[in-house]
């Protein structure tokens, strides 16, 4: 590639695509049911998502951040007994 060649858009899109999860992919990878994810979206709960055309997608980083937040808000134990 020379300085005059346009950047390879497909490799950029592929990288970005790996950062996005569809509802079905999120369900498979994280163990939430598709129905639960839809219900959470309806209620305004759960990891942040957005519409991309007709698909709802989640950024992997947003899912991980939401899980970390849930862990911090609900963590029990881990301390020595008084």
PDB file of N, CA and C in Angstrom:
ATOM      1  N   UNK A   1       0.847  -1.181   0.000  1.00  0.00           N
ATOM      2  CA  UNK A   1       0.000   0.000   0.000  1.00  0.00           C
ATOM      3  C   UNK A   1       0.890   1.240   0.000  1.00  0.00           C
ATOM      4  N   UNK A   2       0.557   2.221  -0.843  1.00  0.00           N
ATOM      5  CA  UNK A   2       1.302   3.468  -0.908  1.00  0.00           C
ATOM      6  C   UNK A   2       0.552   4.542  -0.136  1.00  0.00           C
ATOM      7  N   UNK A   3       1.168   5.714  -0.037  1.00  0.00           N
ATOM      8  CA  UNK A   3       0.519   6.819   0.659  1.00  0.00           C
ATOM      9  C   UNK A   3      -0.745   7.275  -0.048  1.00  0.00           C
ATOM     10  N   UNK A   4      -0.871   6.923  -1.331  1.00  0.00           N
ATOM     11  CA  UNK A   4      -2.010   7.384  -2.113  1.00  0.00           C
ATOM     12  C   UNK A   4      -3.168   6.390  -2.129  1.00  0.00           C
ATOM     13  N   UNK A   5      -2.936   5.177  -1.627  1.00  0.00           N
ATOM     14  CA  UNK A   5      -3.999   4.180  -1.601  1.00  0.00           C
ATOM     15  C   UNK A   5      -4.975   4.498  -0.464  1.00  0.00           C
ATOM     16  N   UNK A   6      -6.271   4.309  -0.720  1.00  0.00           N
ATOM     17  CA  UNK A   6      -7.229   4.541   0.359  1.00  0.00           C
ATOM     18  C   UNK A   6      -7.087   3.456   1.419  1.00  0.00           C
ATOM     19  N   UNK A   7      -7.406   3.767   2.671  1.00  0.00           N
ATOM     20  CA  UNK A   7      -7.327   2.739   3.700  1.00  0.00           C
ATOM     21  C   UNK A   7      -8.290   1.601   3.387  1.00  0.00           C
ATOM     22  N   UNK A   8      -7.957   0.441   3.833  1.00  0.00           N
ATOM     23  CA  UNK A   8      -8.794  -0.732   3.601  1.00  0.00           C
ATOM     24  C   UNK A   8     -10.013  -0.647   4.514  1.00  0.00           C
ATOM     25  N   UNK A   9     -11.122  -0.199   3.973  1.00  0.00           N
ATOM     26  CA  UNK A   9     -12.341  -0.001   4.759  1.00  0.00           C
ATOM     27  C   UNK A   9     -12.872  -1.311   5.299  1.00  0.00           C
ATOM     28  N   UNK A  10     -12.688  -2.406   4.554  1.00  0.00           N
ATOM     29  CA  UNK A  10     -13.243  -3.683   5.009  1.00  0.00           C
ATOM     30  C   UNK A  10     -12.583  -4.140   6.297  1.00  0.00           C
ATOM     31  N   UNK A  11     -11.280  -3.929   6.456  1.00  0.00           N
ATOM     32  CA  UNK A  11     -10.629  -4.358   7.694  1.00  0.00           C
ATOM     33  C   UNK A  11     -11.107  -3.501   8.857  1.00  0.00           C
ATOM     34  N   UNK A  12     -11.358  -2.221   8.619  1.00  0.00           N
ATOM     35  CA  UNK A  12     -11.894  -1.351   9.668  1.00  0.00           C
ATOM     36  C   UNK A  12     -13.293  -1.798  10.058  1.00  0.00           C
ATOM     37  N   UNK A  13     -14.126  -2.112   9.076  1.00  0.00           N
ATOM     38  CA  UNK A  13     -15.487  -2.576   9.353  1.00  0.00           C
ATOM     39  C   UNK A  13     -15.474  -3.897  10.107  1.00  0.00           C
ATOM     40  N   UNK A  14     -14.546  -4.803   9.734  1.00  0.00           N
ATOM     41  CA  UNK A  14     -14.456  -6.084  10.419  1.00  0.00           C
ATOM     42  C   UNK A  14     -14.095  -5.891  11.883  1.00  0.00           C
ATOM     43  N   UNK A  15     -13.151  -4.992  12.148  1.00  0.00           N
ATOM     44  CA  UNK A  15     -12.760  -4.720  13.530  1.00  0.00           C
ATOM     45  C   UNK A  15     -13.940  -4.162  14.298  1.00  0.00           C
ATOM     46  N   UNK A  16     -14.641  -3.222  13.708  1.00  0.00           N
ATOM     47  CA  UNK A  16     -15.790  -2.629  14.375  1.00  0.00           C
ATOM     48  C   UNK A  16     -16.878  -3.679  14.578  1.00  0.00           C
ATOM     49  N   UNK A  17     -17.097  -4.531  13.594  1.00  0.00           N
ATOM     50  CA  UNK A  17     -18.131  -5.553  13.675  1.00  0.00           C
ATOM     51  C   UNK A  17     -17.867  -6.505  14.833  1.00  0.00           C
ATOM     52  N   UNK A  18     -16.619  -6.811  15.105  1.00  0.00           N
ATOM     53  CA  UNK A  18     -16.298  -7.705  16.214  1.00  0.00           C
ATOM     54  C   UNK A  18     -16.579  -7.045  17.558  1.00  0.00           C
ATOM     55  N   UNK A  19     -16.671  -5.743  17.567  1.00  0.00           N
ATOM     56  CA  UNK A  19     -16.987  -5.010  18.792  1.00  0.00           C
ATOM     57  C   UNK A  19     -18.491  -4.989  19.043  1.00  0.00           C
ATOM     58  N   UNK A  20     -19.292  -5.303  18.033  1.00  0.00           N
ATOM     59  CA  UNK A  20     -20.751  -5.294  18.160  1.00  0.00           C
ATOM     60  C   UNK A  20     -21.277  -6.696  18.360  1.00  0.00           C
ATOM     61  N   UNK A  21     -22.310  -6.819  19.184  1.00  0.00           N
ATOM     62  CA  UNK A  21     -22.985  -8.091  19.381  1.00  0.00           C
ATOM     63  C   UNK A  21     -24.461  -7.907  19.079  1.00  0.00           C
ATOM     64  N   UNK A  22     -25.037  -8.808  18.307  1.00  0.00           N
ATOM     65  CA  UNK A  22     -26.486  -8.791  18.129  1.00  0.00           C
ATOM     66  C   UNK A  22     -27.111  -9.367  19.396  1.00  0.00           C
ATOM     67  N   UNK A  23     -28.422  -9.271  19.492  1.00  0.00           N
ATOM     68  CA  UNK A  23     -29.113  -9.831  20.647  1.00  0.00           C
ATOM     69  C   UNK A  23     -28.842 -11.331  20.754  1.00  0.00           C
ATOM     70  N   UNK A  24     -28.890 -12.039  19.630  1.00  0.00           N
ATOM     71  CA  UNK A  24     -28.638 -13.490  19.630  1.00  0.00           C
ATOM     72  C   UNK A  24     -27.202 -13.803  20.046  1.00  0.00           C
ATOM     73  N   UNK A  25     -26.234 -13.021  19.548  1.00  0.00           N
ATOM     74  CA  UNK A  25     -24.835 -13.248  19.921  1.00  0.00           C
ATOM     75  C   UNK A  25     -24.606 -12.985  21.401  1.00  0.00           C
ATOM     76  N   UNK A  26     -25.197 -11.906  21.903  1.00  0.00           N
ATOM     77  CA  UNK A  26     -25.079 -11.585  23.326  1.00  0.00           C
ATOM     78  C   UNK A  26     -25.683 -12.711  24.162  1.00  0.00           C
ATOM     79  N   UNK A  27     -26.819 -13.217  23.745  1.00  0.00           N
ATOM     80  CA  UNK A  27     -27.474 -14.316  24.438  1.00  0.00           C
ATOM     81  C   UNK A  27     -26.564 -15.541  24.506  1.00  0.00           C
ATOM     82  N   UNK A  28     -25.976 -15.909  23.378  1.00  0.00           N
ATOM     83  CA  UNK A  28     -25.108 -17.087  23.336  1.00  0.00           C
ATOM     84  C   UNK A  28     -23.824 -16.901  24.140  1.00  0.00           C
ATOM     85  N   UNK A  29     -23.213 -15.738  24.016  1.00  0.00           N
ATOM     86  CA  UNK A  29     -21.910 -15.533  24.639  1.00  0.00           C
ATOM     87  C   UNK A  29     -21.977 -15.256  26.133  1.00  0.00           C
ATOM     88  N   UNK A  30     -23.085 -14.666  26.594  1.00  0.00           N
ATOM     89  CA  UNK A  30     -23.164 -14.279  27.999  1.00  0.00           C
ATOM     90  C   UNK A  30     -24.236 -15.029  28.783  1.00  0.00           C
ATOM     91  N   UNK A  31     -25.041 -15.839  28.107  1.00  0.00           N
ATOM     92  CA  UNK A  31     -25.992 -16.684  28.801  1.00  0.00           C
ATOM     93  C   UNK A  31     -27.312 -16.032  29.188  1.00  0.00           C
ATOM     94  N   UNK A  32     -27.597 -14.843  28.688  1.00  0.00           N
ATOM     95  CA  UNK A  32     -28.899 -14.221  28.902  1.00  0.00           C
ATOM     96  C   UNK A  32     -29.841 -14.721  27.816  1.00  0.00           C
ATOM     97  N   UNK A  33     -31.090 -14.978  28.165  1.00  0.00           N
ATOM     98  CA  UNK A  33     -32.017 -15.408  27.110  1.00  0.00           C
ATOM     99  C   UNK A  33     -32.378 -14.207  26.235  1.00  0.00           C
ATOM    100  N   UNK A  34     -32.707 -14.483  24.981  1.00  0.00           N
ATOM    101  CA  UNK A  34     -33.122 -13.433  24.050  1.00  0.00           C
ATOM    102  C   UNK A  34     -34.349 -12.711  24.611  1.00  0.00           C
ATOM    103  N   UNK A  35     -35.280 -13.461  25.167  1.00  0.00           N
ATOM    104  CA  UNK A  35     -36.483 -12.866  25.746  1.00  0.00           C
ATOM    105  C   UNK A  35     -36.164 -11.919  26.888  1.00  0.00           C
ATOM    106  N   UNK A  36     -35.217 -12.299  27.737  1.00  0.00           N
ATOM    107  CA  UNK A  36     -34.809 -11.429  28.840  1.00  0.00           C
ATOM    108  C   UNK A  36     -34.195 -10.149  28.306  1.00  0.00           C
ATOM    109  N   UNK A  37     -33.335 -10.262  27.311  1.00  0.00           N
ATOM    110  CA  UNK A  37     -32.706  -9.072  26.729  1.00  0.00           C
ATOM    111  C   UNK A  37     -33.755  -8.149  26.120  1.00  0.00           C
ATOM    112  N   UNK A  38     -34.744  -8.702  25.443  1.00  0.00           N
ATOM    113  CA  UNK A  38     -35.818  -7.880  24.868  1.00  0.00           C
ATOM    114  C   UNK A  38     -36.627  -7.199  25.967  1.00  0.00           C
ATOM    115  N   UNK A  39     -36.919  -7.944  27.017  1.00  0.00           N
ATOM    116  CA  UNK A  39     -37.672  -7.372  28.136  1.00  0.00           C
ATOM    117  C   UNK A  39     -36.886  -6.246  28.791  1.00  0.00           C
ATOM    118  N   UNK A  40     -35.600  -6.468  29.015  1.00  0.00           N
ATOM    119  CA  UNK A  40     -34.769  -5.431  29.607  1.00  0.00           C
ATOM    120  C   UNK A  40     -34.766  -4.176  28.741  1.00  0.00           C
ATOM    121  N   UNK A  41     -34.651  -4.344  27.422  1.00  0.00           N
ATOM    122  CA  UNK A  41     -34.680  -3.178  26.521  1.00  0.00           C
ATOM    123  C   UNK A  41     -35.990  -2.429  26.675  1.00  0.00           C
ATOM    124  N   UNK A  42     -37.080  -3.166  26.720  1.00  0.00           N
ATOM    125  CA  UNK A  42     -38.414  -2.572  26.881  1.00  0.00           C
ATOM    126  C   UNK A  42     -38.493  -1.763  28.181  1.00  0.00           C
ATOM    127  N   UNK A  43     -37.876  -2.261  29.229  1.00  0.00           N
ATOM    128  CA  UNK A  43     -37.907  -1.607  30.550  1.00  0.00           C
ATOM    129  C   UNK A  43     -36.836  -0.531  30.719  1.00  0.00           C
ATOM    130  N   UNK A  44     -35.924  -0.418  29.754  1.00  0.00           N
ATOM    131  CA  UNK A  44     -34.836   0.551  29.874  1.00  0.00           C
ATOM    132  C   UNK A  44     -33.735   0.070  30.806  1.00  0.00           C
ATOM    133  N   UNK A  45     -33.610  -1.227  30.950  1.00  0.00           N
ATOM    134  CA  UNK A  45     -32.634  -1.854  31.840  1.00  0.00           C
ATOM    135  C   UNK A  45     -31.632  -2.609  30.978  1.00  0.00           C
ATOM    136  N   UNK A  46     -30.584  -3.072  31.589  1.00  0.00           N
ATOM    137  CA  UNK A  46     -29.607  -3.893  30.882  1.00  0.00           C
ATOM    138  C   UNK A  46     -28.531  -3.069  30.217  1.00  0.00           C
ATOM    139  N   UNK A  47     -27.637  -3.747  29.492  1.00  0.00           N
ATOM    140  CA  UNK A  47     -26.545  -3.037  28.830  1.00  0.00           C
ATOM    141  C   UNK A  47     -27.078  -2.111  27.738  1.00  0.00           C
ATOM    142  N   UNK A  48     -26.363  -1.014  27.526  1.00  0.00           N
ATOM    143  CA  UNK A  48     -26.742  -0.063  26.487  1.00  0.00           C
ATOM    144  C   UNK A  48     -26.703  -0.730  25.118  1.00  0.00           C
ATOM    145  N   UNK A  49     -27.656  -0.367  24.277  1.00  0.00           N
ATOM    146  CA  UNK A  49     -27.724  -0.906  22.929  1.00  0.00           C
ATOM    147  C   UNK A  49     -28.192   0.196  21.986  1.00  0.00           C
ATOM    148  N   UNK A  50     -28.129  -0.087  20.706  1.00  0.00           N
ATOM    149  CA  UNK A  50     -28.624   0.876  19.724  1.00  0.00           C
ATOM    150  C   UNK A  50     -29.061   0.122  18.481  1.00  0.00           C
ATOM    151  N   UNK A  51     -29.844   0.788  17.658  1.00  0.00           N
ATOM    152  CA  UNK A  51     -30.322   0.186  16.417  1.00  0.00           C
ATOM    153  C   UNK A  51     -29.350   0.494  15.299  1.00  0.00           C
ATOM    154  N   UNK A  52     -29.071  -0.522  14.528  1.00  0.00           N
ATOM    155  CA  UNK A  52     -28.213  -0.395  13.360  1.00  0.00           C
ATOM    156  C   UNK A  52     -29.014  -0.994  12.216  1.00  0.00           C
ATOM    157  N   UNK A  53     -29.703  -0.118  11.499  1.00  0.00           N
ATOM    158  CA  UNK A  53     -30.660  -0.604  10.517  1.00  0.00           C
ATOM    159  C   UNK A  53     -31.815  -1.244  11.257  1.00  0.00           C
ATOM    160  N   UNK A  54     -32.084  -2.492  10.947  1.00  0.00           N
ATOM    161  CA  UNK A  54     -33.179  -3.210  11.612  1.00  0.00           C
ATOM    162  C   UNK A  54     -32.696  -4.076  12.767  1.00  0.00           C
ATOM    163  N   UNK A  55     -31.397  -4.069  13.024  1.00  0.00           N
ATOM    164  CA  UNK A  55     -30.836  -4.887  14.098  1.00  0.00           C
ATOM    165  C   UNK A  55     -30.569  -4.051  15.329  1.00  0.00           C
ATOM    166  N   UNK A  56     -30.728  -4.673  16.478  1.00  0.00           N
ATOM    167  CA  UNK A  56     -30.302  -4.071  17.737  1.00  0.00           C
ATOM    168  C   UNK A  56     -28.929  -4.649  18.032  1.00  0.00           C
ATOM    169  N   UNK A  57     -27.970  -3.788  18.330  1.00  0.00           N
ATOM    170  CA  UNK A  57     -26.620  -4.243  18.624  1.00  0.00           C
ATOM    171  C   UNK A  57     -26.143  -3.651  19.940  1.00  0.00           C
ATOM    172  N   UNK A  58     -25.218  -4.365  20.542  1.00  0.00           N
ATOM    173  CA  UNK A  58     -24.604  -3.974  21.802  1.00  0.00           C
ATOM    174  C   UNK A  58     -23.111  -3.867  21.578  1.00  0.00           C
ATOM    175  N   UNK A  59     -22.494  -2.857  22.120  1.00  0.00           N
ATOM    176  CA  UNK A  59     -21.039  -2.789  22.083  1.00  0.00           C
ATOM    177  C   UNK A  59     -20.522  -3.682  23.206  1.00  0.00           C
ATOM    178  N   UNK A  60     -19.547  -4.514  22.873  1.00  0.00           N
ATOM    179  CA  UNK A  60     -18.986  -5.437  23.851  1.00  0.00           C
ATOM    180  C   UNK A  60     -18.511  -4.688  25.102  1.00  0.00           C
ATOM    181  N   UNK A  61     -17.881  -3.535  24.920  1.00  0.00           N
ATOM    182  CA  UNK A  61     -17.381  -2.757  26.062  1.00  0.00           C
ATOM    183  C   UNK A  61     -18.531  -2.307  26.964  1.00  0.00           C
ATOM    184  N   UNK A  62     -19.677  -1.956  26.371  1.00  0.00           N
ATOM    185  CA  UNK A  62     -20.837  -1.537  27.166  1.00  0.00           C
ATOM    186  C   UNK A  62     -21.401  -2.709  27.960  1.00  0.00           C
ATOM    187  N   UNK A  63     -21.396  -3.890  27.367  1.00  0.00           N
ATOM    188  CA  UNK A  63     -21.874  -5.086  28.067  1.00  0.00           C
ATOM    189  C   UNK A  63     -20.963  -5.389  29.254  1.00  0.00           C
ATOM    190  N   UNK A  64     -19.651  -5.369  29.011  1.00  0.00           N
ATOM    191  CA  UNK A  64     -18.696  -5.639  30.080  1.00  0.00           C
ATOM    192  C   UNK A  64     -18.818  -4.607  31.201  1.00  0.00           C
ATOM    193  N   UNK A  65     -18.989  -3.332  30.837  1.00  0.00           N
ATOM    194  CA  UNK A  65     -19.137  -2.275  31.849  1.00  0.00           C
ATOM    195  C   UNK A  65     -20.405  -2.483  32.660  1.00  0.00           C
ATOM    196  N   UNK A  66     -21.491  -2.870  32.004  1.00  0.00           N
ATOM    197  CA  UNK A  66     -22.751  -3.107  32.702  1.00  0.00           C
ATOM    198  C   UNK A  66     -22.617  -4.293  33.665  1.00  0.00           C
ATOM    199  N   UNK A  67     -21.950  -5.351  33.233  1.00  0.00           N
ATOM    200  CA  UNK A  67     -21.742  -6.504  34.104  1.00  0.00           C
ATOM    201  C   UNK A  67     -20.903  -6.105  35.314  1.00  0.00           C
ATOM    202  N   UNK A  68     -19.854  -5.327  35.105  1.00  0.00           N
ATOM    203  CA  UNK A  68     -19.015  -4.852  36.213  1.00  0.00           C
ATOM    204  C   UNK A  68     -19.835  -4.011  37.188  1.00  0.00           C
ATOM    205  N   UNK A  69     -20.690  -3.158  36.650  1.00  0.00           N
ATOM    206  CA  UNK A  69     -21.560  -2.332  37.494  1.00  0.00           C
ATOM    207  C   UNK A  69     -22.499  -3.211  38.325  1.00  0.00           C
ATOM    208  N   UNK A  70     -23.063  -4.237  37.708  1.00  0.00           N
ATOM    209  CA  UNK A  70     -23.947  -5.151  38.435  1.00  0.00           C
ATOM    210  C   UNK A  70     -23.184  -5.853  39.556  1.00  0.00           C
ATOM    211  N   UNK A  71     -21.955  -6.256  39.252  1.00  0.00           N
ATOM    212  CA  UNK A  71     -21.136  -6.924  40.258  1.00  0.00           C
ATOM    213  C   UNK A  71     -20.869  -5.993  41.441  1.00  0.00           C
ATOM    214  N   UNK A  72     -20.497  -4.751  41.156  1.00  0.00           N
ATOM    215  CA  UNK A  72     -20.199  -3.801  42.220  1.00  0.00           C
ATOM    216  C   UNK A  72     -21.430  -3.469  43.058  1.00  0.00           C
ATOM    217  N   UNK A  73     -22.595  -3.386  42.415  1.00  0.00           N
ATOM    218  CA  UNK A  73     -23.822  -3.016  43.115  1.00  0.00           C
ATOM    219  C   UNK A  73     -24.434  -4.151  43.929  1.00  0.00           C
ATOM    220  N   UNK A  74     -24.085  -5.382  43.601  1.00  0.00           N
ATOM    221  CA  UNK A  74     -24.747  -6.505  44.262  1.00  0.00           C
ATOM    222  C   UNK A  74     -23.789  -7.454  44.966  1.00  0.00           C
ATOM    223  N   UNK A  75     -22.508  -7.140  44.996  1.00  0.00           N
ATOM    224  CA  UNK A  75     -21.514  -8.045  45.560  1.00  0.00           C
ATOM    225  C   UNK A  75     -21.747  -8.204  47.063  1.00  0.00           C
ATOM    226  N   UNK A  76     -21.645  -9.433  47.507  1.00  0.00           N
ATOM    227  CA  UNK A  76     -21.817  -9.757  48.918  1.00  0.00           C
ATOM    228  C   UNK A  76     -20.620 -10.589  49.362  1.00  0.00           C
ATOM    229  N   UNK A  77     -20.322 -10.512  50.622  1.00  0.00           N
ATOM    230  CA  UNK A  77     -19.249 -11.339  51.176  1.00  0.00           C
ATOM    231  C   UNK A  77     -17.886 -10.853  50.748  1.00  0.00           C
ATOM    232  N   UNK A  78     -16.910 -11.720  50.931  1.00  0.00           N
ATOM    233  CA  UNK A  78     -15.546 -11.375  50.540  1.00  0.00           C
ATOM    234  C   UNK A  78     -14.800 -10.646  51.627  1.00  0.00           C
ATOM    235  N   UNK A  79     -15.416 -10.491  52.798  1.00  0.00           N
ATOM    236  CA  UNK A  79     -14.732  -9.836  53.908  1.00  0.00           C
ATOM    237  C   UNK A  79     -14.602 -10.838  55.041  1.00  0.00           C
ATOM    238  N   UNK A  80     -13.725 -10.547  55.970  1.00  0.00           N
ATOM    239  CA  UNK A  80     -13.559 -11.434  57.112  1.00  0.00           C
ATOM    240  C   UNK A  80     -14.701 -11.234  58.089  1.00  0.00           C
ATOM    241  N   UNK A  81     -15.049 -12.274  58.781  1.00  0.00           N
ATOM    242  CA  UNK A  81     -16.153 -12.214  59.749  1.00  0.00           C
ATOM    243  C   UNK A  81     -15.772 -11.314  60.902  1.00  0.00           C
ATOM    244  N   UNK A  82     -16.739 -10.592  61.424  1.00  0.00           N
ATOM    245  CA  UNK A  82     -16.493  -9.665  62.537  1.00  0.00           C
ATOM    246  C   UNK A  82     -16.473 -10.409  63.847  1.00  0.00           C
TER     247      UNK A  82
END
